[in-house]
Amino acid sequence: MVEPSLHVFVDNSNVLIEGRRFAEMKRSRKGRLSPYKDASYEIDWGKFLYVLKEKDTRAFVDVPILYGSRPPAEDSVWNRIRDDGFDVKVFDRNIRNKEKGVDMEMGMDVAQLLYTVPDPKNIVIAAGDADYVPVIERAKGKGWKVEVWFWSNAAVELQKTANRFIPLDPFLEFLRLGGGAVS
C-alpha cells in the first residue's frame, strides 16, 4: 500500500506558460527557449498529478492545491482541473491584466502547513521563480523535505535550495492535453 506523504502546491500560470515556451522550442526546433509560446499547448492536470505521484508509487496527504488567475466566464478549464483532483484558488488580475497574489497566497499556505502539521513529510512546489526560496528554507529548517517540479529553466537558486529538483522537460508531450504515454 502507498503511504500518503505529499502536500502539493502548484502555480498554474507559471507551469503552463513555461510549458508553452518549451513546446514552442520543440515545435520550432530552435533548441533554445524564446519569448514565443505555443498557445495550443495545454496541460492535462490529471496526468500532471500522476507524474508527481511518480507512477502511483506515492500518494497525497490532502487534495493538491492549484493557484491561478480567474479565467473568462465561458472558460471551463477550472472545472476540468477540479475534476482532475485539485483544490483551486483563483485570483483576479489587476488593472494592467497582471496576475497578483498567487505567489504570496501559495507561500502563505505552505508556511501555514509548516506550523499546523506536527509530523513533517514532503512538500511539492510546482513553480519556477525564486520567490519560493524563503518558504523552502523555512520548511527544510522544520524538518520537511521539499521537492520542486518545474521546467529546467527554473531559477537556479530555487533548484539548489530544494531537497530535490525534478525537471518537467521529459514529460512535455505526456503532459500535453491529449498527449501520449509516459516512458
N, C-alpha and C. Protein backbone atom coordinates (compact mmCIF):
# COMPACT_ATOMS: atom_id res chain seq x y z
N MET A 1 0.84 -1.19 0.00
CA MET A 1 0.00 0.00 0.00
C MET A 1 0.88 1.26 0.00
N VAL A 2 0.45 2.27 -0.71
CA VAL A 2 1.19 3.52 -0.82
C VAL A 2 0.83 4.41 0.37
N GLU A 3 1.84 4.92 1.03
CA GLU A 3 1.61 5.82 2.17
C GLU A 3 1.41 7.25 1.68
N PRO A 4 0.41 7.97 2.24
CA PRO A 4 0.27 9.39 1.89
C PRO A 4 1.48 10.16 2.41
N SER A 5 2.06 10.97 1.55
CA SER A 5 3.22 11.71 2.01
C SER A 5 3.41 13.06 1.36
N LEU A 6 2.63 13.41 0.36
CA LEU A 6 2.87 14.64 -0.39
C LEU A 6 1.83 15.71 -0.15
N HIS A 7 2.31 16.92 0.13
CA HIS A 7 1.48 18.12 0.16
C HIS A 7 1.87 18.88 -1.10
N VAL A 8 0.91 19.15 -1.99
CA VAL A 8 1.22 19.68 -3.32
C VAL A 8 0.65 21.07 -3.51
N PHE A 9 1.52 21.98 -4.02
CA PHE A 9 1.15 23.37 -4.29
C PHE A 9 1.64 23.70 -5.70
N VAL A 10 0.71 24.12 -6.58
CA VAL A 10 1.04 24.33 -7.99
C VAL A 10 0.66 25.75 -8.44
N ASP A 11 1.64 26.46 -8.99
CA ASP A 11 1.39 27.76 -9.61
C ASP A 11 1.03 27.49 -11.07
N ASN A 12 -0.26 27.44 -11.34
CA ASN A 12 -0.79 27.08 -12.65
C ASN A 12 -0.19 27.90 -13.78
N SER A 13 -0.26 29.20 -13.68
CA SER A 13 0.21 30.07 -14.77
C SER A 13 1.69 29.87 -15.02
N ASN A 14 2.46 29.76 -13.96
CA ASN A 14 3.90 29.60 -14.07
C ASN A 14 4.24 28.30 -14.81
N VAL A 15 3.62 27.20 -14.42
CA VAL A 15 3.87 25.90 -15.05
C VAL A 15 3.40 25.91 -16.51
N LEU A 16 2.21 26.43 -16.75
CA LEU A 16 1.65 26.42 -18.10
C LEU A 16 2.43 27.33 -19.06
N ILE A 17 2.72 28.55 -18.65
CA ILE A 17 3.42 29.49 -19.54
C ILE A 17 4.79 28.94 -19.94
N GLU A 18 5.52 28.42 -18.98
CA GLU A 18 6.84 27.88 -19.32
C GLU A 18 6.72 26.59 -20.11
N GLY A 19 5.68 25.81 -19.86
CA GLY A 19 5.43 24.63 -20.68
C GLY A 19 5.18 25.02 -22.13
N ARG A 20 4.48 26.12 -22.33
CA ARG A 20 4.24 26.62 -23.69
C ARG A 20 5.54 27.07 -24.35
N ARG A 21 6.45 27.63 -23.56
CA ARG A 21 7.77 28.02 -24.12
C ARG A 21 8.54 26.77 -24.58
N PHE A 22 8.53 25.73 -23.75
CA PHE A 22 9.23 24.51 -24.12
C PHE A 22 8.56 23.85 -25.34
N ALA A 23 7.25 23.87 -25.38
CA ALA A 23 6.54 23.30 -26.53
C ALA A 23 6.88 24.05 -27.81
N GLU A 24 6.99 25.38 -27.73
CA GLU A 24 7.36 26.18 -28.90
C GLU A 24 8.80 25.88 -29.33
N MET A 25 9.68 25.72 -28.36
CA MET A 25 11.07 25.39 -28.69
C MET A 25 11.12 24.06 -29.43
N LYS A 26 10.35 23.08 -28.97
CA LYS A 26 10.34 21.78 -29.62
C LYS A 26 9.70 21.88 -31.00
N ARG A 27 8.62 22.62 -31.10
CA ARG A 27 7.91 22.76 -32.38
C ARG A 27 8.78 23.46 -33.41
N SER A 28 9.45 24.52 -33.01
CA SER A 28 10.26 25.31 -33.94
C SER A 28 11.64 24.71 -34.18
N ARG A 29 12.01 23.74 -33.34
CA ARG A 29 13.32 23.06 -33.43
C ARG A 29 14.49 24.03 -33.35
N LYS A 30 14.33 25.09 -32.55
CA LYS A 30 15.41 26.06 -32.40
C LYS A 30 16.43 25.64 -31.35
N GLY A 31 16.04 24.74 -30.45
CA GLY A 31 16.98 24.26 -29.45
C GLY A 31 17.23 25.21 -28.29
N ARG A 32 16.51 26.30 -28.23
CA ARG A 32 16.66 27.23 -27.11
C ARG A 32 15.30 27.88 -26.83
N LEU A 33 15.13 28.31 -25.61
CA LEU A 33 13.89 28.98 -25.24
C LEU A 33 13.84 30.36 -25.85
N SER A 34 12.65 30.79 -26.18
CA SER A 34 12.46 32.13 -26.73
C SER A 34 11.26 32.75 -26.02
N PRO A 35 11.00 34.01 -26.28
CA PRO A 35 9.81 34.63 -25.66
C PRO A 35 8.51 34.13 -26.28
N TYR A 36 8.58 33.39 -27.37
CA TYR A 36 7.38 32.90 -28.04
C TYR A 36 6.85 31.66 -27.35
N LYS A 37 5.54 31.48 -27.42
CA LYS A 37 4.91 30.35 -26.76
C LYS A 37 3.98 29.63 -27.74
N ASP A 38 3.87 28.32 -27.58
CA ASP A 38 2.93 27.52 -28.35
C ASP A 38 1.58 27.63 -27.63
N ALA A 39 0.72 28.51 -28.13
CA ALA A 39 -0.58 28.76 -27.48
C ALA A 39 -1.48 27.54 -27.50
N SER A 40 -1.19 26.57 -28.35
CA SER A 40 -2.03 25.37 -28.40
C SER A 40 -1.68 24.37 -27.30
N TYR A 41 -0.55 24.58 -26.62
CA TYR A 41 -0.13 23.64 -25.58
C TYR A 41 -0.96 23.86 -24.32
N GLU A 42 -1.66 22.82 -23.92
CA GLU A 42 -2.43 22.82 -22.66
C GLU A 42 -1.99 21.62 -21.85
N ILE A 43 -1.96 21.77 -20.57
CA ILE A 43 -1.53 20.68 -19.69
C ILE A 43 -2.73 19.86 -19.24
N ASP A 44 -2.57 18.55 -19.29
CA ASP A 44 -3.55 17.63 -18.73
C ASP A 44 -3.18 17.49 -17.26
N TRP A 45 -3.94 18.16 -16.41
CA TRP A 45 -3.57 18.24 -14.99
C TRP A 45 -3.72 16.92 -14.26
N GLY A 46 -4.59 16.04 -14.75
CA GLY A 46 -4.68 14.70 -14.19
C GLY A 46 -3.37 13.94 -14.41
N LYS A 47 -2.81 14.07 -15.61
CA LYS A 47 -1.51 13.45 -15.90
C LYS A 47 -0.41 14.11 -15.08
N PHE A 48 -0.52 15.40 -14.86
CA PHE A 48 0.46 16.11 -14.04
C PHE A 48 0.51 15.49 -12.64
N LEU A 49 -0.66 15.23 -12.06
CA LEU A 49 -0.70 14.60 -10.73
C LEU A 49 -0.09 13.21 -10.76
N TYR A 50 -0.35 12.47 -11.83
CA TYR A 50 0.23 11.14 -11.99
C TYR A 50 1.76 11.21 -11.99
N VAL A 51 2.31 12.19 -12.70
CA VAL A 51 3.76 12.38 -12.75
C VAL A 51 4.29 12.69 -11.35
N LEU A 52 3.60 13.58 -10.61
CA LEU A 52 4.05 13.91 -9.25
C LEU A 52 4.03 12.69 -8.33
N LYS A 53 3.08 11.80 -8.56
CA LYS A 53 3.00 10.59 -7.74
C LYS A 53 4.04 9.55 -8.17
N GLU A 54 4.82 9.90 -9.19
CA GLU A 54 5.84 9.02 -9.72
C GLU A 54 5.26 7.65 -10.04
N LYS A 55 4.31 7.69 -10.97
CA LYS A 55 3.63 6.48 -11.47
C LYS A 55 2.95 5.72 -10.34
N ASP A 56 2.30 6.45 -9.47
CA ASP A 56 1.50 5.90 -8.37
C ASP A 56 2.30 5.16 -7.29
N THR A 57 3.56 5.55 -7.12
CA THR A 57 4.34 4.97 -6.02
C THR A 57 4.23 5.83 -4.77
N ARG A 58 3.61 7.02 -4.91
CA ARG A 58 3.43 7.93 -3.78
C ARG A 58 1.99 8.42 -3.79
N ALA A 59 1.56 8.99 -2.67
CA ALA A 59 0.18 9.47 -2.57
C ALA A 59 0.15 10.86 -1.95
N PHE A 60 -1.00 11.49 -2.02
CA PHE A 60 -1.18 12.82 -1.46
C PHE A 60 -1.78 12.73 -0.07
N VAL A 61 -1.29 13.59 0.83
CA VAL A 61 -1.85 13.68 2.17
C VAL A 61 -3.23 14.32 2.10
N ASP A 62 -3.33 15.36 1.29
CA ASP A 62 -4.60 16.06 1.12
C ASP A 62 -4.74 16.45 -0.35
N VAL A 63 -5.79 17.12 -0.68
CA VAL A 63 -6.05 17.50 -2.07
C VAL A 63 -5.01 18.51 -2.52
N PRO A 64 -4.34 18.27 -3.65
CA PRO A 64 -3.37 19.25 -4.17
C PRO A 64 -4.05 20.59 -4.45
N ILE A 65 -3.32 21.66 -4.25
CA ILE A 65 -3.89 23.00 -4.47
C ILE A 65 -3.24 23.63 -5.69
N LEU A 66 -4.07 24.15 -6.58
CA LEU A 66 -3.61 24.83 -7.78
C LEU A 66 -4.04 26.28 -7.70
N TYR A 67 -3.11 27.19 -7.96
CA TYR A 67 -3.33 28.63 -7.84
C TYR A 67 -3.24 29.24 -9.23
N GLY A 68 -4.15 30.17 -9.53
CA GLY A 68 -4.07 30.83 -10.82
C GLY A 68 -5.05 31.97 -10.97
N SER A 69 -5.02 32.59 -12.15
CA SER A 69 -5.89 33.73 -12.44
C SER A 69 -7.26 33.29 -12.89
N ARG A 70 -8.24 34.11 -12.57
CA ARG A 70 -9.62 33.82 -12.95
C ARG A 70 -9.76 33.80 -14.47
N PRO A 71 -10.28 32.69 -15.01
CA PRO A 71 -10.47 32.61 -16.46
C PRO A 71 -11.75 33.35 -16.86
N PRO A 72 -11.94 33.55 -18.16
CA PRO A 72 -13.20 34.14 -18.61
C PRO A 72 -14.38 33.26 -18.18
N ALA A 73 -15.53 33.86 -18.03
CA ALA A 73 -16.72 33.15 -17.53
C ALA A 73 -17.05 31.90 -18.35
N GLU A 74 -16.86 31.95 -19.66
CA GLU A 74 -17.23 30.82 -20.51
C GLU A 74 -16.15 29.73 -20.56
N ASP A 75 -15.01 29.96 -19.92
CA ASP A 75 -13.90 29.01 -19.94
C ASP A 75 -14.17 27.88 -18.94
N SER A 76 -14.04 26.65 -19.37
CA SER A 76 -14.33 25.51 -18.49
C SER A 76 -13.07 24.90 -17.88
N VAL A 77 -11.91 25.54 -18.08
CA VAL A 77 -10.65 24.95 -17.66
C VAL A 77 -10.60 24.65 -16.16
N TRP A 78 -11.10 25.55 -15.33
CA TRP A 78 -11.00 25.33 -13.88
C TRP A 78 -11.90 24.19 -13.42
N ASN A 79 -13.05 24.01 -14.08
CA ASN A 79 -13.89 22.86 -13.75
C ASN A 79 -13.16 21.56 -14.10
N ARG A 80 -12.49 21.55 -15.24
CA ARG A 80 -11.74 20.36 -15.63
C ARG A 80 -10.62 20.09 -14.63
N ILE A 81 -9.95 21.15 -14.20
CA ILE A 81 -8.85 20.99 -13.25
C ILE A 81 -9.37 20.46 -11.91
N ARG A 82 -10.52 20.96 -11.48
CA ARG A 82 -11.13 20.43 -10.25
C ARG A 82 -11.46 18.95 -10.43
N ASP A 83 -11.99 18.60 -11.60
CA ASP A 83 -12.32 17.20 -11.88
C ASP A 83 -11.08 16.32 -11.89
N ASP A 84 -9.92 16.91 -12.23
CA ASP A 84 -8.67 16.16 -12.24
C ASP A 84 -8.11 15.96 -10.84
N GLY A 85 -8.72 16.56 -9.82
CA GLY A 85 -8.33 16.28 -8.46
C GLY A 85 -7.72 17.42 -7.67
N PHE A 86 -7.79 18.64 -8.17
CA PHE A 86 -7.20 19.78 -7.47
C PHE A 86 -8.23 20.59 -6.70
N ASP A 87 -7.78 21.19 -5.60
CA ASP A 87 -8.48 22.29 -4.96
C ASP A 87 -7.97 23.51 -5.71
N VAL A 88 -8.84 24.42 -6.09
CA VAL A 88 -8.45 25.54 -6.93
C VAL A 88 -8.61 26.86 -6.17
N LYS A 89 -7.57 27.69 -6.23
CA LYS A 89 -7.64 29.04 -5.67
C LYS A 89 -7.43 30.00 -6.83
N VAL A 90 -8.45 30.79 -7.11
CA VAL A 90 -8.46 31.68 -8.27
C VAL A 90 -8.34 33.13 -7.82
N PHE A 91 -7.56 33.90 -8.59
CA PHE A 91 -7.33 35.30 -8.27
C PHE A 91 -7.67 36.18 -9.45
N ASP A 92 -8.19 37.36 -9.16
CA ASP A 92 -8.46 38.33 -10.21
C ASP A 92 -7.15 38.99 -10.64
N ARG A 93 -7.10 39.37 -11.90
CA ARG A 93 -5.94 40.10 -12.41
C ARG A 93 -6.12 41.58 -12.08
N ASN A 94 -5.00 42.32 -12.04
CA ASN A 94 -5.09 43.73 -11.73
C ASN A 94 -5.50 44.53 -12.97
N ILE A 95 -5.54 45.84 -12.83
CA ILE A 95 -5.99 46.73 -13.91
C ILE A 95 -5.09 46.63 -15.15
N ARG A 96 -3.84 46.21 -14.96
CA ARG A 96 -2.91 46.03 -16.09
C ARG A 96 -2.93 44.60 -16.62
N ASN A 97 -3.92 43.82 -16.18
CA ASN A 97 -4.09 42.42 -16.58
C ASN A 97 -2.93 41.54 -16.13
N LYS A 98 -2.33 41.90 -15.01
CA LYS A 98 -1.23 41.11 -14.44
C LYS A 98 -1.75 40.27 -13.29
N GLU A 99 -1.20 39.08 -13.17
CA GLU A 99 -1.58 38.19 -12.09
C GLU A 99 -1.00 38.72 -10.78
N LYS A 100 -1.84 38.83 -9.78
CA LYS A 100 -1.41 39.35 -8.48
C LYS A 100 -1.92 38.45 -7.37
N GLY A 101 -1.05 38.18 -6.40
CA GLY A 101 -1.46 37.47 -5.20
C GLY A 101 -1.18 35.98 -5.20
N VAL A 102 -0.88 35.40 -6.36
CA VAL A 102 -0.71 33.95 -6.43
C VAL A 102 0.51 33.49 -5.63
N ASP A 103 1.67 34.08 -5.90
CA ASP A 103 2.89 33.65 -5.20
C ASP A 103 2.76 33.84 -3.69
N MET A 104 2.21 34.97 -3.29
CA MET A 104 2.07 35.25 -1.85
C MET A 104 1.11 34.26 -1.19
N GLU A 105 -0.02 34.01 -1.81
CA GLU A 105 -1.01 33.07 -1.25
C GLU A 105 -0.43 31.66 -1.15
N MET A 106 0.24 31.25 -2.21
CA MET A 106 0.82 29.92 -2.20
C MET A 106 1.90 29.81 -1.11
N GLY A 107 2.76 30.80 -1.01
CA GLY A 107 3.78 30.81 0.03
C GLY A 107 3.18 30.81 1.43
N MET A 108 2.11 31.57 1.62
CA MET A 108 1.45 31.62 2.93
C MET A 108 0.81 30.27 3.27
N ASP A 109 0.23 29.61 2.27
CA ASP A 109 -0.36 28.28 2.51
C ASP A 109 0.71 27.26 2.90
N VAL A 110 1.87 27.32 2.25
CA VAL A 110 2.96 26.42 2.62
C VAL A 110 3.41 26.74 4.05
N ALA A 111 3.58 28.02 4.36
CA ALA A 111 4.00 28.42 5.72
C ALA A 111 2.99 27.96 6.77
N GLN A 112 1.71 28.11 6.46
CA GLN A 112 0.68 27.67 7.41
C GLN A 112 0.79 26.17 7.65
N LEU A 113 1.04 25.41 6.60
CA LEU A 113 1.22 23.97 6.73
C LEU A 113 2.37 23.66 7.69
N LEU A 114 3.47 24.39 7.57
CA LEU A 114 4.64 24.15 8.40
C LEU A 114 4.34 24.30 9.89
N TYR A 115 3.42 25.19 10.21
CA TYR A 115 3.13 25.49 11.61
C TYR A 115 1.87 24.82 12.13
N THR A 116 1.19 24.06 11.28
CA THR A 116 -0.03 23.38 11.75
C THR A 116 0.06 21.86 11.68
N VAL A 117 0.99 21.34 10.92
CA VAL A 117 1.14 19.88 10.81
C VAL A 117 2.38 19.49 11.62
N PRO A 118 2.18 18.71 12.68
CA PRO A 118 3.29 18.41 13.58
C PRO A 118 4.30 17.39 13.04
N ASP A 119 3.91 16.56 12.09
CA ASP A 119 4.78 15.50 11.60
C ASP A 119 5.23 15.82 10.18
N PRO A 120 6.43 16.42 10.01
CA PRO A 120 6.88 16.81 8.67
C PRO A 120 6.93 15.66 7.69
N LYS A 121 6.50 15.93 6.48
CA LYS A 121 6.54 14.95 5.38
C LYS A 121 7.23 15.60 4.20
N ASN A 122 6.57 15.56 3.06
CA ASN A 122 7.13 16.09 1.82
C ASN A 122 6.22 17.15 1.24
N ILE A 123 6.84 18.23 0.80
CA ILE A 123 6.11 19.30 0.11
C ILE A 123 6.58 19.31 -1.33
N VAL A 124 5.61 19.38 -2.23
CA VAL A 124 5.92 19.55 -3.65
C VAL A 124 5.48 20.94 -4.05
N ILE A 125 6.41 21.70 -4.61
CA ILE A 125 6.11 23.02 -5.15
C ILE A 125 6.35 22.96 -6.64
N ALA A 126 5.32 23.24 -7.41
CA ALA A 126 5.44 23.30 -8.86
C ALA A 126 5.40 24.77 -9.25
N ALA A 127 6.58 25.36 -9.31
CA ALA A 127 6.75 26.77 -9.67
C ALA A 127 8.23 26.95 -9.95
N GLY A 128 8.55 28.02 -10.66
CA GLY A 128 9.94 28.18 -11.06
C GLY A 128 10.63 29.44 -10.62
N ASP A 129 9.94 30.31 -9.87
CA ASP A 129 10.59 31.56 -9.51
C ASP A 129 11.20 31.51 -8.11
N ALA A 130 12.23 32.30 -7.94
CA ALA A 130 12.99 32.32 -6.69
C ALA A 130 12.19 32.88 -5.52
N ASP A 131 11.00 33.41 -5.76
CA ASP A 131 10.16 33.92 -4.67
C ASP A 131 9.89 32.84 -3.62
N TYR A 132 9.98 31.58 -4.01
CA TYR A 132 9.66 30.49 -3.08
C TYR A 132 10.86 30.02 -2.26
N VAL A 133 12.03 30.55 -2.49
CA VAL A 133 13.22 30.13 -1.75
C VAL A 133 13.05 30.32 -0.24
N PRO A 134 12.57 31.48 0.25
CA PRO A 134 12.45 31.63 1.71
C PRO A 134 11.52 30.60 2.36
N VAL A 135 10.41 30.29 1.74
CA VAL A 135 9.49 29.32 2.34
C VAL A 135 10.09 27.91 2.28
N ILE A 136 10.86 27.62 1.26
CA ILE A 136 11.54 26.32 1.18
C ILE A 136 12.59 26.22 2.30
N GLU A 137 13.33 27.29 2.51
CA GLU A 137 14.32 27.28 3.59
C GLU A 137 13.66 27.07 4.95
N ARG A 138 12.53 27.72 5.18
CA ARG A 138 11.81 27.52 6.45
C ARG A 138 11.32 26.10 6.59
N ALA A 139 10.78 25.55 5.51
CA ALA A 139 10.28 24.18 5.55
C ALA A 139 11.41 23.21 5.88
N LYS A 140 12.53 23.35 5.22
CA LYS A 140 13.67 22.48 5.50
C LYS A 140 14.15 22.64 6.94
N GLY A 141 14.11 23.87 7.44
CA GLY A 141 14.51 24.12 8.82
C GLY A 141 13.60 23.46 9.84
N LYS A 142 12.37 23.18 9.44
CA LYS A 142 11.41 22.49 10.33
C LYS A 142 11.35 20.99 10.05
N GLY A 143 12.27 20.48 9.24
CA GLY A 143 12.36 19.04 9.01
C GLY A 143 11.60 18.51 7.81
N TRP A 144 11.01 19.37 7.02
CA TRP A 144 10.28 18.94 5.82
C TRP A 144 11.26 18.71 4.68
N LYS A 145 10.90 17.79 3.80
CA LYS A 145 11.62 17.58 2.53
C LYS A 145 10.83 18.34 1.48
N VAL A 146 11.53 19.14 0.67
CA VAL A 146 10.85 19.95 -0.34
C VAL A 146 11.36 19.58 -1.72
N GLU A 147 10.40 19.24 -2.57
CA GLU A 147 10.68 18.96 -3.97
C GLU A 147 10.15 20.11 -4.80
N VAL A 148 10.90 20.49 -5.82
CA VAL A 148 10.43 21.46 -6.80
C VAL A 148 10.34 20.72 -8.13
N TRP A 149 9.15 20.74 -8.72
CA TRP A 149 8.91 20.17 -10.04
C TRP A 149 8.64 21.34 -10.98
N PHE A 150 9.52 21.52 -11.95
CA PHE A 150 9.34 22.61 -12.90
C PHE A 150 10.20 22.34 -14.12
N TRP A 151 10.04 23.16 -15.11
CA TRP A 151 10.85 23.08 -16.32
C TRP A 151 12.30 23.41 -15.96
N SER A 152 13.25 22.99 -16.77
CA SER A 152 14.66 23.14 -16.43
C SER A 152 15.13 24.59 -16.34
N ASN A 153 14.30 25.53 -16.76
CA ASN A 153 14.68 26.94 -16.66
C ASN A 153 14.25 27.57 -15.35
N ALA A 154 13.92 26.77 -14.36
CA ALA A 154 13.58 27.30 -13.02
C ALA A 154 14.79 28.07 -12.48
N ALA A 155 14.52 29.04 -11.63
CA ALA A 155 15.59 29.82 -11.02
C ALA A 155 16.61 28.88 -10.38
N VAL A 156 17.86 29.11 -10.66
CA VAL A 156 18.94 28.25 -10.16
C VAL A 156 18.92 28.20 -8.64
N GLU A 157 18.69 29.34 -7.99
CA GLU A 157 18.63 29.38 -6.52
C GLU A 157 17.52 28.48 -6.00
N LEU A 158 16.38 28.45 -6.69
CA LEU A 158 15.26 27.58 -6.30
C LEU A 158 15.66 26.12 -6.44
N GLN A 159 16.30 25.78 -7.55
CA GLN A 159 16.74 24.40 -7.78
C GLN A 159 17.71 23.94 -6.70
N LYS A 160 18.63 24.83 -6.32
CA LYS A 160 19.65 24.48 -5.33
C LYS A 160 19.09 24.40 -3.91
N THR A 161 18.08 25.19 -3.61
CA THR A 161 17.52 25.23 -2.26
C THR A 161 16.66 24.00 -1.96
N ALA A 162 15.96 23.50 -2.96
CA ALA A 162 15.09 22.34 -2.76
C ALA A 162 15.92 21.11 -2.42
N ASN A 163 15.32 20.17 -1.67
CA ASN A 163 15.98 18.89 -1.42
C ASN A 163 16.12 18.10 -2.71
N ARG A 164 15.14 18.31 -3.59
CA ARG A 164 15.10 17.56 -4.85
C ARG A 164 14.48 18.45 -5.92
N PHE A 165 15.14 18.57 -7.06
CA PHE A 165 14.58 19.30 -8.19
C PHE A 165 14.35 18.30 -9.32
N ILE A 166 13.11 18.27 -9.84
CA ILE A 166 12.75 17.36 -10.92
C ILE A 166 12.28 18.19 -12.11
N PRO A 167 13.04 18.17 -13.21
CA PRO A 167 12.61 18.93 -14.39
C PRO A 167 11.45 18.24 -15.09
N LEU A 168 10.49 19.02 -15.51
CA LEU A 168 9.32 18.50 -16.23
C LEU A 168 9.59 18.29 -17.71
N ASP A 169 10.71 18.76 -18.22
CA ASP A 169 11.01 18.69 -19.65
C ASP A 169 10.76 17.31 -20.26
N PRO A 170 11.21 16.21 -19.64
CA PRO A 170 10.99 14.90 -20.25
C PRO A 170 9.50 14.51 -20.37
N PHE A 171 8.64 15.21 -19.63
CA PHE A 171 7.22 14.89 -19.63
C PHE A 171 6.40 15.81 -20.54
N LEU A 172 7.07 16.67 -21.31
CA LEU A 172 6.38 17.68 -22.11
C LEU A 172 5.23 17.10 -22.92
N GLU A 173 5.48 16.08 -23.71
CA GLU A 173 4.43 15.52 -24.57
C GLU A 173 3.43 14.70 -23.78
N PHE A 174 3.88 13.99 -22.77
CA PHE A 174 2.95 13.23 -21.93
C PHE A 174 1.94 14.17 -21.26
N LEU A 175 2.43 15.32 -20.79
CA LEU A 175 1.56 16.27 -20.08
C LEU A 175 0.63 17.04 -21.00
N ARG A 176 0.91 17.04 -22.30
CA ARG A 176 0.05 17.75 -23.27
C ARG A 176 -1.35 17.13 -23.22
N LEU A 177 -2.35 17.98 -23.13
CA LEU A 177 -3.73 17.52 -23.16
C LEU A 177 -3.92 16.71 -24.44
N GLY A 178 -4.29 15.45 -24.30
CA GLY A 178 -4.44 14.55 -25.46
C GLY A 178 -3.13 13.91 -25.87
N GLY A 179 -2.04 14.11 -25.07
CA GLY A 179 -0.72 13.59 -25.40
C GLY A 179 -0.59 12.11 -25.18
N GLY A 180 0.61 11.62 -25.39
CA GLY A 180 0.90 10.18 -25.34
C GLY A 180 1.26 9.66 -23.97
N ALA A 181 1.82 8.46 -23.97
CA ALA A 181 2.17 7.76 -22.73
C ALA A 181 3.52 8.22 -22.22
N VAL A 182 3.71 8.06 -20.92
CA VAL A 182 4.99 8.39 -20.30
C VAL A 182 5.88 7.16 -20.38
N SER A 183 7.17 7.40 -20.56
CA SER A 183 8.12 6.27 -20.65
C SER A 183 8.56 5.83 -19.28
